[in-house]
């Protein structure tokens, strides 16, 4: 085996390992309280990649970390849910630059509505 083949093999192995690590960071259903499979799927597809404590995007994970979402205080959770609704309404999330690189992460109109409805409902529930 020459150096080029060895390098290619090592690179492929590292890429595969990084995919496995990312997959292991996906939360189970139990990490998102009161969410349907639909909402979980939307969060997984378009939000969780940046908004989790293992993300390399410090700004995104500082703004909202879905891994710690359920442990937020009531006021912080209400604020986060309102923020989710606001950024979706303003078409700020997912960011346009991100979508240029990952167009498959774009929210459909129905996904956006479902996520906004979920955030609004959860915020109302948390205020009780």
Protein backbone atom coordinates (compact mmCIF):
# COMPACT_ATOMS: atom_id res chain seq x y z
CA UNK A 1 0.00 0.00 0.00
CA UNK A 2 1.46 3.34 -1.00
CA UNK A 3 1.31 6.54 1.04
CA UNK A 4 -1.55 7.96 -1.03
CA UNK A 5 -3.74 4.91 -0.41
CA UNK A 6 -2.87 4.91 3.29
CA UNK A 7 -3.72 8.61 3.59
CA UNK A 8 -7.03 8.06 1.75
CA UNK A 9 -7.88 5.15 4.04
CA UNK A 10 -7.11 7.12 7.20
CA UNK A 11 -9.10 10.11 5.92
CA UNK A 12 -12.11 7.90 5.14
CA UNK A 13 -11.91 6.29 8.59
CA UNK A 14 -11.78 9.69 10.29
CA UNK A 15 -14.76 10.95 8.30
CA UNK A 16 -16.73 7.83 9.19
CA UNK A 17 -15.82 8.24 12.87
CA UNK A 18 -16.96 11.88 12.84
CA UNK A 19 -20.31 10.83 11.35
CA UNK A 20 -20.73 8.28 14.14
CA UNK A 21 -19.90 10.89 16.79
CA UNK A 22 -22.41 13.35 15.31
CA UNK A 23 -25.07 10.64 15.18
CA UNK A 24 -24.47 9.83 18.84
CA UNK A 25 -25.12 13.49 19.73
CA UNK A 26 -28.68 13.34 18.42
CA UNK A 27 -30.99 13.44 21.41
CA UNK A 28 -33.46 10.73 22.12
CA UNK A 29 -37.16 11.51 22.15
CA UNK A 30 -37.01 11.80 25.93
CA UNK A 31 -34.74 14.87 25.80
CA UNK A 32 -37.55 16.94 24.27
CA UNK A 33 -40.50 16.99 26.64
CA UNK A 34 -43.97 17.26 25.11
CA UNK A 35 -42.84 17.06 21.51
CA UNK A 36 -44.29 14.97 18.74
CA UNK A 37 -42.20 12.87 16.39
CA UNK A 38 -42.87 15.56 13.77
CA UNK A 39 -41.37 18.34 15.91
CA UNK A 40 -38.43 16.16 16.94
CA UNK A 41 -37.73 15.41 13.28
CA UNK A 42 -37.84 19.12 12.35
CA UNK A 43 -35.49 20.03 15.21
CA UNK A 44 -33.13 17.22 14.24
CA UNK A 45 -33.10 18.21 10.58
CA UNK A 46 -32.78 21.97 10.79
CA UNK A 47 -31.81 23.07 14.31
CA UNK A 48 -29.95 20.53 16.39
CA UNK A 49 -26.75 20.46 14.33
CA UNK A 50 -25.82 23.95 15.59
CA UNK A 51 -27.93 24.26 18.73
CA UNK A 52 -26.38 21.62 21.00
CA UNK A 53 -23.58 21.65 23.54
CA UNK A 54 -21.20 19.71 21.28
CA UNK A 55 -21.61 22.14 18.37
CA UNK A 56 -18.58 23.96 17.04
CA UNK A 57 -20.82 27.00 16.52
CA UNK A 58 -20.33 28.76 19.85
CA UNK A 59 -22.77 31.56 19.05
CA UNK A 60 -25.58 29.13 18.20
CA UNK A 61 -25.10 26.86 21.20
CA UNK A 62 -24.85 29.85 23.55
CA UNK A 63 -28.11 31.23 22.16
CA UNK A 64 -30.00 27.91 22.40
CA UNK A 65 -28.81 24.46 23.43
CA UNK A 66 -31.39 21.75 22.87
CA UNK A 67 -29.39 19.33 25.02
CA UNK A 68 -30.04 21.51 28.08
CA UNK A 69 -33.38 22.96 26.98
CA UNK A 70 -35.48 20.93 29.44
CA UNK A 71 -33.33 22.00 32.39
CA UNK A 72 -33.90 25.72 31.75
CA UNK A 73 -35.73 27.70 34.39
CA UNK A 74 -39.35 28.48 33.56
CA UNK A 75 -38.64 32.12 32.57
CA UNK A 76 -35.62 31.11 30.47
CA UNK A 77 -37.60 28.38 28.73
CA UNK A 78 -40.44 30.79 27.94
CA UNK A 79 -37.91 33.29 26.59
CA UNK A 80 -36.22 30.61 24.46
CA UNK A 81 -39.56 29.45 23.04
CA UNK A 82 -40.53 33.02 22.18
CA UNK A 83 -37.13 33.52 20.54
CA UNK A 84 -37.67 30.38 18.45
CA UNK A 85 -40.98 31.81 17.24
CA UNK A 86 -39.45 35.22 16.51
CA UNK A 87 -36.47 33.98 14.51
CA UNK A 88 -38.70 31.69 12.50
CA UNK A 89 -41.21 34.46 11.82
CA UNK A 90 -38.37 36.73 10.69
CA UNK A 91 -36.82 33.95 8.52
CA UNK A 92 -33.56 34.27 10.47
CA UNK A 93 -33.20 30.54 11.12
CA UNK A 94 -31.68 28.53 9.71
CA UNK A 95 -29.33 31.30 8.53
CA UNK A 96 -29.17 32.01 4.80
CA UNK A 97 -25.39 31.45 4.64
CA UNK A 98 -25.81 28.07 6.31
CA UNK A 99 -28.55 27.12 3.85
CA UNK A 100 -26.30 28.00 0.92
CA UNK A 101 -24.00 25.21 2.08
CA UNK A 102 -26.72 22.86 3.35
CA UNK A 103 -29.93 23.44 1.37
CA UNK A 104 -31.39 20.17 2.69
CA UNK A 105 -31.64 21.81 6.16
CA UNK A 106 -34.11 24.44 4.93
CA UNK A 107 -37.51 24.44 6.62
CA UNK A 108 -40.56 23.91 4.48
CA UNK A 109 -43.49 26.24 5.02
CA UNK A 110 -45.32 23.45 6.90
CA UNK A 111 -42.29 22.64 9.08
CA UNK A 112 -41.85 26.29 9.94
CA UNK A 113 -45.52 26.61 10.90
CA UNK A 114 -45.42 23.41 12.95
CA UNK A 115 -42.33 24.58 14.84
CA UNK A 116 -43.79 28.03 15.45
CA UNK A 117 -47.08 26.50 16.67
CA UNK A 118 -45.16 24.14 18.96
CA UNK A 119 -43.07 26.99 20.43
CA UNK A 120 -46.15 29.12 21.03
CA UNK A 121 -48.06 26.24 22.65
CA UNK A 122 -45.12 25.28 24.85
CA UNK A 123 -44.58 28.89 25.96
CA UNK A 124 -48.26 29.14 26.95
CA UNK A 125 -48.03 25.84 28.84
CA UNK A 126 -44.90 26.97 30.66
CA UNK A 127 -46.64 30.16 31.81
CA UNK A 128 -49.27 28.19 33.73
